[in-house]
């Protein structure tokens, strides 16, 4: 009885290439996926001759076009290669400040928050919207160690955060070290890294391998539903596909084990205020790709990457005119999404920061139930809007990267 390939036996792995279009063969990692439909396409063309027979006499194949879409559920530490390829940069480890002994003060709300007063925060490399954790604190604030603390506003001498528990004790935070959690990545202002990847589909039940080389990532969509898992899908374009009866990436590491992100676990900051009215959000990371053929080869010599655009949509319950007025008055705002794998104050997370956003359109629904506002937006390079924030259009912070 013949054996047929099944999806559950299909193993997908990825490795960064040193030379574009040349697989390193070893290394890489297995990918968690919802779907990966990469396939070998080709340009095709048909004879335009008009013949006495009134029939088509010839049709030919042209340039190879490996392409498809990879879709996954976002979880901390799982998709570093995709984020690095999409954002044309490397993850960098979060900076550490200390040991220091800043002073903590609590402010009653609403909203309640804490201020941490010290010196050299900006100089050391902290930035607005960073998520930090303390370590090494001694009594009476040992309980602050390890908590996720967002920097909501920042100067060189003051950190303000709405995540400091009201049960904390004001006064000196003795012996504390501040560390930006995990790693961060953003679109660089210069020196973009044009990375390429090999992606293998190994059909283990029939021992067949399809290795797509020279892959780059284009249009990418991140979806955050009001309830449900946070997902992404990314356009993939490659240069060639190599077939083999054996697995070609021979030593991929196992998949990560972190939980998938659910949109209900996390915090949305809009224009400096934590909001609980957003019913859905979509982020579009559009990195244009071009694969121009050349005479004498059925493989493109290079995949070009053009300008990078970040756009999206968000929907919100109609509570007041605050969000709408940022559109009406063309007010630029910051958006920070911190999504965690659970509700605990130390949960692992992925954070998305768009420090300079402009709403570009607005509509409202009409029904007998909750009225929903819909907005489309463009994120812009943060040159001068938020001087203490990341100087980029889009940033990711991943606690397990």
Foldseek 3Di string as FASTA:
>chain_A
DDDDFDPVLKWKWKDWDPDFQDAPLEETATAAFPDWDWDKDWDKDFDPDCDPVRDTDDIDTFAIKTKDKTKHFDFFPFPQVQVCLLLQHHWDFWFKDDPDKWWKDWDVDVVTKIKTFDAQCVVRPDFAQFWKAKPDFDPPANVRGQFTWHQLDDDRTMGMTSLDDPPGDTTIRPRIMITRFFTKDHNDPDDGHNIWMKMKTARPRQQKIKIFTSKGWFKKKWKAALWDTIMMMTIIIGFDIDMDSHRRHDYHHYGDDGAGWTNPAWWKAKQSRTDDFWRIKMKIWGWDWDFDCDPPDSTGPHIDTDDIWIKIKIKGFPPDCVVVVCQVVFNWMKIKIWIFNDNDRNGWTKMKIAGTKTWDDWDWDDDPDTIMIMTMITGDQPDDPRVRHDRHGMMMGGNND
